Amino acid sequence: MKEMMKNTGILLAITLIAGLLLGLVYQVTKNPIAEQEAKAKQEACQEVFADAASFGMIGVESVADVGWSEAGYEQESIDEVMEAKDASGELLGYVITVTTKEGYGGDIQFSIGVRLDGTLNGMSILSISETAGLGMQAEDVLKPQFADKNVEKFAYTKNGAAADNEIDAISGATITTNAVTNGVNAGLYYFQTVLGGGSANE
């Protein structure tokens, strides 16, 4: 019994010390991690809205009543929406962060910058884990194709893009291409239906 009590006491002491150390590490690293996340978010916003002077977060509204599922976006979610404003406080557009679950290697998260007239400034990929040499080419192959386009919806093609709304697919990675294209379309759909912007509503 004494031996059991002794062992229990030792285990309890180890658990308490480990808990205190973990708590200390969390307190020490919490602020630097938060600062890095904020910095990464700011950089992503600036990448898709270079002429904006400030960004302010607004609430993400429900998509239940705008035909989200009916439009084919069951696998996409809107994670965050920020207003992009110029130096005088005038609204320029929005930065919309989207996650699509259709990636070959898992979720793909990115931000898109959309001007009030519906022009897509571009996109910034935040998280992707596609196949090296194939889907991971999204940064180099897909991302530039969305920049400075004003269309209601994109479609991907395997035969070379011939129109503004067409995205040339990554060779051997149509799943990734489809996922990113659908994710961008989901962001544009949210912009058009919830935020009430773009040429689709003029």
C-alpha atoms as a PDB file:
ATOM      1  CA  MET A   1       0.000   0.000   0.000  1.00  0.00           C
ATOM      2  CA  LYS A   2       2.818   2.412   0.909  1.00  0.00           C
ATOM      3  CA  GLU A   3       4.577   1.599  -2.359  1.00  0.00           C
ATOM      4  CA  MET A   4       1.375   2.248  -4.298  1.00  0.00           C
ATOM      5  CA  MET A   5       0.850   5.571  -2.528  1.00  0.00           C
ATOM      6  CA  LYS A   6       4.444   6.507  -3.259  1.00  0.00           C
ATOM      7  CA  ASN A   7       4.122   5.672  -6.969  1.00  0.00           C
ATOM      8  CA  THR A   8       0.815   7.545  -7.160  1.00  0.00           C
ATOM      9  CA  GLY A   9       2.429  10.583  -5.575  1.00  0.00           C
ATOM     10  CA  ILE A  10       5.331  10.465  -8.043  1.00  0.00           C
ATOM     11  CA  LEU A  11       2.964  10.191 -11.010  1.00  0.00           C
ATOM     12  CA  LEU A  12       0.861  13.040  -9.667  1.00  0.00           C
ATOM     13  CA  ALA A  13       3.949  15.220  -9.226  1.00  0.00           C
ATOM     14  CA  ILE A  14       5.149  14.426 -12.756  1.00  0.00           C
ATOM     15  CA  THR A  15       1.707  15.225 -14.177  1.00  0.00           C
ATOM     16  CA  LEU A  16       1.534  18.531 -12.318  1.00  0.00           C
ATOM     17  CA  ILE A  17       5.040  19.552 -13.394  1.00  0.00           C
ATOM     18  CA  ALA A  18       4.337  18.564 -17.020  1.00  0.00           C
ATOM     19  CA  GLY A  19       1.080  20.534 -16.950  1.00  0.00           C
ATOM     20  CA  LEU A  20       2.817  23.590 -15.516  1.00  0.00           C
ATOM     21  CA  LEU A  21       5.571  23.388 -18.129  1.00  0.00           C
ATOM     22  CA  LEU A  22       3.042  23.045 -20.964  1.00  0.00           C
ATOM     23  CA  GLY A  23       1.110  26.009 -19.597  1.00  0.00           C
ATOM     24  CA  LEU A  24       4.310  28.042 -19.408  1.00  0.00           C
ATOM     25  CA  VAL A  25       5.288  27.138 -22.980  1.00  0.00           C
ATOM     26  CA  TYR A  26       1.798  28.084 -24.175  1.00  0.00           C
ATOM     27  CA  GLN A  27       1.958  31.472 -22.462  1.00  0.00           C
ATOM     28  CA  VAL A  28       5.427  32.151 -23.872  1.00  0.00           C
ATOM     29  CA  THR A  29       4.526  31.155 -27.447  1.00  0.00           C
ATOM     30  CA  LYS A  30       0.904  32.365 -27.584  1.00  0.00           C
ATOM     31  CA  ASN A  31       1.615  35.980 -28.493  1.00  0.00           C
ATOM     32  CA  PRO A  32       4.385  35.282 -31.057  1.00  0.00           C
ATOM     33  CA  ILE A  33       2.157  32.707 -32.776  1.00  0.00           C
ATOM     34  CA  ALA A  34      -0.774  35.130 -32.840  1.00  0.00           C
ATOM     35  CA  GLU A  35       1.494  37.847 -34.236  1.00  0.00           C
ATOM     36  CA  GLN A  36       2.763  35.544 -36.976  1.00  0.00           C
ATOM     37  CA  GLU A  37      -0.788  34.513 -37.888  1.00  0.00           C
ATOM     38  CA  ALA A  38      -1.864  38.153 -38.038  1.00  0.00           C
ATOM     39  CA  LYS A  39       1.172  38.987 -40.179  1.00  0.00           C
ATOM     40  CA  ALA A  40       0.455  36.101 -42.565  1.00  0.00           C
ATOM     41  CA  LYS A  41      -3.176  37.193 -42.838  1.00  0.00           C
ATOM     42  CA  GLN A  42      -2.159  40.790 -43.547  1.00  0.00           C
ATOM     43  CA  GLU A  43       0.318  39.662 -46.210  1.00  0.00           C
ATOM     44  CA  ALA A  44      -2.329  37.468 -47.861  1.00  0.00           C
ATOM     45  CA  CYS A  45      -4.774  40.398 -47.907  1.00  0.00           C
ATOM     46  CA  GLN A  46      -2.151  42.748 -49.333  1.00  0.00           C
ATOM     47  CA  GLU A  47      -1.250  40.189 -51.993  1.00  0.00           C
ATOM     48  CA  VAL A  48      -4.813  40.094 -53.347  1.00  0.00           C
ATOM     49  CA  PHE A  49      -5.543  43.788 -52.720  1.00  0.00           C
ATOM     50  CA  ALA A  50      -2.259  45.661 -53.182  1.00  0.00           C
ATOM     51  CA  ASP A  51      -3.859  49.108 -53.366  1.00  0.00           C
ATOM     52  CA  ALA A  52      -5.844  48.767 -50.126  1.00  0.00           C
ATOM     53  CA  ALA A  53      -4.625  50.718 -47.104  1.00  0.00           C
ATOM     54  CA  SER A  54      -6.537  48.770 -44.461  1.00  0.00           C
ATOM     55  CA  PHE A  55      -8.534  45.610 -43.927  1.00  0.00           C
ATOM     56  CA  GLY A  56     -11.382  45.103 -41.483  1.00  0.00           C
ATOM     57  CA  MET A  57     -13.045  41.819 -40.649  1.00  0.00           C
ATOM     58  CA  ILE A  58     -16.799  41.487 -41.026  1.00  0.00           C
ATOM     59  CA  GLY A  59     -19.052  38.621 -40.031  1.00  0.00           C
ATOM     60  CA  VAL A  60     -19.559  35.624 -42.305  1.00  0.00           C
ATOM     61  CA  GLU A  61     -23.252  35.416 -43.080  1.00  0.00           C
ATOM     62  CA  SER A  62     -25.289  32.233 -43.452  1.00  0.00           C
ATOM     63  CA  VAL A  63     -25.435  30.780 -46.947  1.00  0.00           C
ATOM     64  CA  ALA A  64     -28.454  28.586 -46.236  1.00  0.00           C
ATOM     65  CA  ASP A  65     -30.883  30.933 -47.990  1.00  0.00           C
ATOM     66  CA  VAL A  66     -28.858  31.728 -51.120  1.00  0.00           C
ATOM     67  CA  GLY A  67     -28.962  28.294 -52.744  1.00  0.00           C
ATOM     68  CA  TRP A  68     -25.428  27.373 -51.699  1.00  0.00           C
ATOM     69  CA  SER A  69     -25.888  23.593 -51.936  1.00  0.00           C
ATOM     70  CA  GLU A  70     -28.110  23.874 -54.994  1.00  0.00           C
ATOM     71  CA  ALA A  71     -25.335  25.828 -56.710  1.00  0.00           C
ATOM     72  CA  GLY A  72     -22.988  22.883 -56.091  1.00  0.00           C
ATOM     73  CA  TYR A  73     -20.863  24.232 -53.236  1.00  0.00           C
ATOM     74  CA  GLU A  74     -21.451  21.562 -50.573  1.00  0.00           C
ATOM     75  CA  GLN A  75     -17.692  20.991 -50.322  1.00  0.00           C
ATOM     76  CA  GLU A  76     -16.772  24.667 -50.014  1.00  0.00           C
ATOM     77  CA  SER A  77     -16.976  26.973 -47.001  1.00  0.00           C
ATOM     78  CA  ILE A  78     -16.452  30.693 -46.466  1.00  0.00           C
ATOM     79  CA  ASP A  79     -14.069  31.043 -43.523  1.00  0.00           C
ATOM     80  CA  GLU A  80     -13.558  34.778 -43.299  1.00  0.00           C
ATOM     81  CA  VAL A  81     -14.518  38.015 -45.029  1.00  0.00           C
ATOM     82  CA  MET A  82     -12.611  41.286 -44.769  1.00  0.00           C
ATOM     83  CA  GLU A  83     -13.398  44.700 -46.197  1.00  0.00           C
ATOM     84  CA  ALA A  84     -10.584  46.286 -48.205  1.00  0.00           C
ATOM     85  CA  LYS A  85     -10.501  50.084 -47.921  1.00  0.00           C
ATOM     86  CA  ASP A  86      -8.338  52.834 -49.344  1.00  0.00           C
ATOM     87  CA  ALA A  87      -6.521  55.495 -47.312  1.00  0.00           C
ATOM     88  CA  SER A  88      -9.672  57.630 -47.062  1.00  0.00           C
ATOM     89  CA  GLY A  89     -11.749  54.737 -45.756  1.00  0.00           C
ATOM     90  CA  GLU A  90     -13.577  54.163 -49.027  1.00  0.00           C
ATOM     91  CA  LEU A  91     -14.608  50.544 -49.615  1.00  0.00           C
ATOM     92  CA  LEU A  92     -12.719  48.994 -52.536  1.00  0.00           C
ATOM     93  CA  GLY A  93     -13.941  45.434 -52.254  1.00  0.00           C
ATOM     94  CA  TYR A  94     -13.523  42.312 -50.173  1.00  0.00           C
ATOM     95  CA  VAL A  95     -10.978  39.661 -49.268  1.00  0.00           C
ATOM     96  CA  ILE A  96     -12.783  36.330 -49.002  1.00  0.00           C
ATOM     97  CA  THR A  97     -11.116  33.265 -47.490  1.00  0.00           C
ATOM     98  CA  VAL A  98     -12.407  29.958 -48.824  1.00  0.00           C
ATOM     99  CA  THR A  99     -11.753  26.317 -47.952  1.00  0.00           C
ATOM    100  CA  THR A 100     -12.546  23.589 -50.448  1.00  0.00           C
ATOM    101  CA  LYS A 101     -12.591  19.940 -49.397  1.00  0.00           C
ATOM    102  CA  GLU A 102     -12.273  18.679 -52.966  1.00  0.00           C
ATOM    103  CA  GLY A 103      -8.470  18.617 -53.090  1.00  0.00           C
ATOM    104  CA  TYR A 104      -6.707  15.352 -53.919  1.00  0.00           C
ATOM    105  CA  GLY A 105      -4.520  15.617 -50.813  1.00  0.00           C
ATOM    106  CA  GLY A 106      -7.061  17.225 -48.484  1.00  0.00           C
ATOM    107  CA  ASP A 107      -8.449  20.687 -47.837  1.00  0.00           C
ATOM    108  CA  ILE A 108      -7.179  23.661 -49.836  1.00  0.00           C
ATOM    109  CA  GLN A 109      -7.555  27.115 -48.300  1.00  0.00           C
ATOM    110  CA  PHE A 110      -6.974  30.402 -50.088  1.00  0.00           C
ATOM    111  CA  SER A 111      -8.016  34.045 -50.113  1.00  0.00           C
ATOM    112  CA  ILE A 112      -9.349  35.954 -53.103  1.00  0.00           C
ATOM    113  CA  GLY A 113      -9.587  39.714 -53.544  1.00  0.00           C
ATOM    114  CA  VAL A 114     -12.759  40.889 -55.279  1.00  0.00           C
ATOM    115  CA  ARG A 115     -13.433  44.500 -56.259  1.00  0.00           C
ATOM    116  CA  LEU A 116     -16.903  45.999 -56.002  1.00  0.00           C
ATOM    117  CA  ASP A 117     -17.449  45.560 -59.747  1.00  0.00           C
ATOM    118  CA  GLY A 118     -16.677  41.837 -59.459  1.00  0.00           C
ATOM    119  CA  THR A 119     -13.108  41.951 -60.773  1.00  0.00           C
ATOM    120  CA  LEU A 120     -10.989  39.241 -59.201  1.00  0.00           C
ATOM    121  CA  ASN A 121      -7.636  40.782 -58.303  1.00  0.00           C
ATOM    122  CA  GLY A 122      -6.090  37.396 -57.662  1.00  0.00           C
ATOM    123  CA  MET A 123      -5.698  34.710 -55.049  1.00  0.00           C
ATOM    124  CA  SER A 124      -3.307  33.806 -52.255  1.00  0.00           C
ATOM    125  CA  ILE A 125      -2.996  30.128 -51.365  1.00  0.00           C
ATOM    126  CA  LEU A 126      -2.846  29.704 -47.592  1.00  0.00           C
ATOM    127  CA  SER A 127      -2.851  25.929 -47.183  1.00  0.00           C
ATOM    128  CA  ILE A 128      -2.404  23.118 -49.716  1.00  0.00           C
ATOM    129  CA  SER A 129      -1.060  19.562 -49.557  1.00  0.00           C
ATOM    130  CA  GLU A 130      -1.460  18.216 -53.067  1.00  0.00           C
ATOM    131  CA  THR A 131       0.862  15.813 -54.885  1.00  0.00           C
ATOM    132  CA  ALA A 132       4.373  17.176 -55.430  1.00  0.00           C
ATOM    133  CA  GLY A 133       5.033  17.999 -59.067  1.00  0.00           C
ATOM    134  CA  LEU A 134       1.330  17.821 -59.935  1.00  0.00           C
ATOM    135  CA  GLY A 135      -1.296  19.483 -57.745  1.00  0.00           C
ATOM    136  CA  MET A 136       1.350  21.484 -55.921  1.00  0.00           C
ATOM    137  CA  GLN A 137       1.816  23.419 -59.170  1.00  0.00           C
ATOM    138  CA  ALA A 138      -1.390  25.285 -58.327  1.00  0.00           C
ATOM    139  CA  GLU A 139       0.691  28.199 -57.042  1.00  0.00           C
ATOM    140  CA  ASP A 140       2.540  28.588 -60.344  1.00  0.00           C
ATOM    141  CA  VAL A 141       0.003  27.347 -62.899  1.00  0.00           C
ATOM    142  CA  LEU A 142      -3.482  28.143 -61.588  1.00  0.00           C
ATOM    143  CA  LYS A 143      -3.021  31.194 -59.417  1.00  0.00           C
ATOM    144  CA  PRO A 144      -1.895  33.610 -62.206  1.00  0.00           C
ATOM    145  CA  GLN A 145      -4.844  32.624 -64.402  1.00  0.00           C
ATOM    146  CA  PHE A 146      -7.446  34.094 -62.025  1.00  0.00           C
ATOM    147  CA  ALA A 147      -5.866  37.544 -61.779  1.00  0.00           C
ATOM    148  CA  ASP A 148      -7.678  40.597 -63.179  1.00  0.00           C
ATOM    149  CA  LYS A 149     -10.672  38.639 -64.476  1.00  0.00           C
ATOM    150  CA  ASN A 150     -14.270  39.841 -64.243  1.00  0.00           C
ATOM    151  CA  VAL A 151     -16.540  36.865 -64.849  1.00  0.00           C
ATOM    152  CA  GLU A 152     -19.515  35.406 -63.044  1.00  0.00           C
ATOM    153  CA  LYS A 153     -18.043  31.910 -62.883  1.00  0.00           C
ATOM    154  CA  PHE A 154     -14.928  30.031 -64.019  1.00  0.00           C
ATOM    155  CA  ALA A 155     -14.650  26.667 -65.770  1.00  0.00           C
ATOM    156  CA  TYR A 156     -11.509  24.638 -66.339  1.00  0.00           C
ATOM    157  CA  THR A 157     -10.444  23.179 -69.651  1.00  0.00           C
ATOM    158  CA  LYS A 158      -7.800  20.680 -70.729  1.00  0.00           C
ATOM    159  CA  ASN A 159      -7.431  22.243 -74.186  1.00  0.00           C
ATOM    160  CA  GLY A 160      -5.980  25.624 -73.303  1.00  0.00           C
ATOM    161  CA  ALA A 161      -7.907  28.639 -72.036  1.00  0.00           C
ATOM    162  CA  ALA A 162      -9.573  30.541 -74.876  1.00  0.00           C
ATOM    163  CA  ALA A 163     -11.796  32.901 -72.860  1.00  0.00           C
ATOM    164  CA  ASP A 164     -11.584  34.938 -69.653  1.00  0.00           C
ATOM    165  CA  ASN A 165     -13.772  32.455 -67.773  1.00  0.00           C
ATOM    166  CA  GLU A 166     -11.620  29.464 -68.730  1.00  0.00           C
ATOM    167  CA  ILE A 167      -8.792  28.096 -66.587  1.00  0.00           C
ATOM    168  CA  ASP A 168      -6.184  25.872 -68.206  1.00  0.00           C
ATOM    169  CA  ALA A 169      -5.951  22.718 -66.081  1.00  0.00           C
ATOM    170  CA  ILE A 170      -2.710  21.498 -64.519  1.00  0.00           C
ATOM    171  CA  SER A 171      -1.517  18.561 -66.589  1.00  0.00           C
ATOM    172  CA  GLY A 172      -2.168  15.366 -64.628  1.00  0.00           C
ATOM    173  CA  ALA A 173      -3.908  17.203 -61.786  1.00  0.00           C
ATOM    174  CA  THR A 174      -7.484  17.850 -62.854  1.00  0.00           C
ATOM    175  CA  ILE A 175      -8.764  17.089 -59.329  1.00  0.00           C
ATOM    176  CA  THR A 176      -6.690  19.940 -57.905  1.00  0.00           C
ATOM    177  CA  THR A 177      -7.701  22.211 -60.778  1.00  0.00           C
ATOM    178  CA  ASN A 178     -11.367  21.391 -60.222  1.00  0.00           C
ATOM    179  CA  ALA A 179     -11.065  21.957 -56.464  1.00  0.00           C
ATOM    180  CA  VAL A 180      -9.415  25.366 -56.808  1.00  0.00           C
ATOM    181  CA  THR A 181     -11.796  26.459 -59.568  1.00  0.00           C
ATOM    182  CA  ASN A 182     -14.839  25.435 -57.539  1.00  0.00           C
ATOM    183  CA  GLY A 183     -13.412  27.200 -54.492  1.00  0.00           C
ATOM    184  CA  VAL A 184     -12.922  30.441 -56.403  1.00  0.00           C
ATOM    185  CA  ASN A 185     -16.423  30.122 -57.839  1.00  0.00           C
ATOM    186  CA  ALA A 186     -17.801  29.640 -54.330  1.00  0.00           C
ATOM    187  CA  GLY A 187     -16.085  32.837 -53.215  1.00  0.00           C
ATOM    188  CA  LEU A 188     -17.496  34.725 -56.192  1.00  0.00           C
ATOM    189  CA  TYR A 189     -20.951  33.273 -55.553  1.00  0.00           C
ATOM    190  CA  TYR A 190     -20.806  34.474 -51.947  1.00  0.00           C
ATOM    191  CA  PHE A 191     -19.728  37.897 -53.170  1.00  0.00           C
ATOM    192  CA  GLN A 192     -22.589  38.052 -55.674  1.00  0.00           C
ATOM    193  CA  THR A 193     -25.389  36.630 -53.525  1.00  0.00           C
ATOM    194  CA  VAL A 194     -24.529  37.597 -49.946  1.00  0.00           C
ATOM    195  CA  LEU A 195     -22.393  40.710 -50.338  1.00  0.00           C
ATOM    196  CA  GLY A 196     -24.502  41.866 -53.284  1.00  0.00           C
ATOM    197  CA  GLY A 197     -21.666  42.891 -55.558  1.00  0.00           C
ATOM    198  CA  GLY A 198     -20.444  42.329 -59.049  1.00  0.00           C
ATOM    199  CA  SER A 199     -21.771  42.605 -62.577  1.00  0.00           C
ATOM    200  CA  ALA A 200     -24.152  39.700 -61.938  1.00  0.00           C
ATOM    201  CA  ASN A 201     -26.258  42.021 -59.796  1.00  0.00           C
ATOM    202  CA  GLU A 202     -26.119  45.159 -61.958  1.00  0.00           C
END
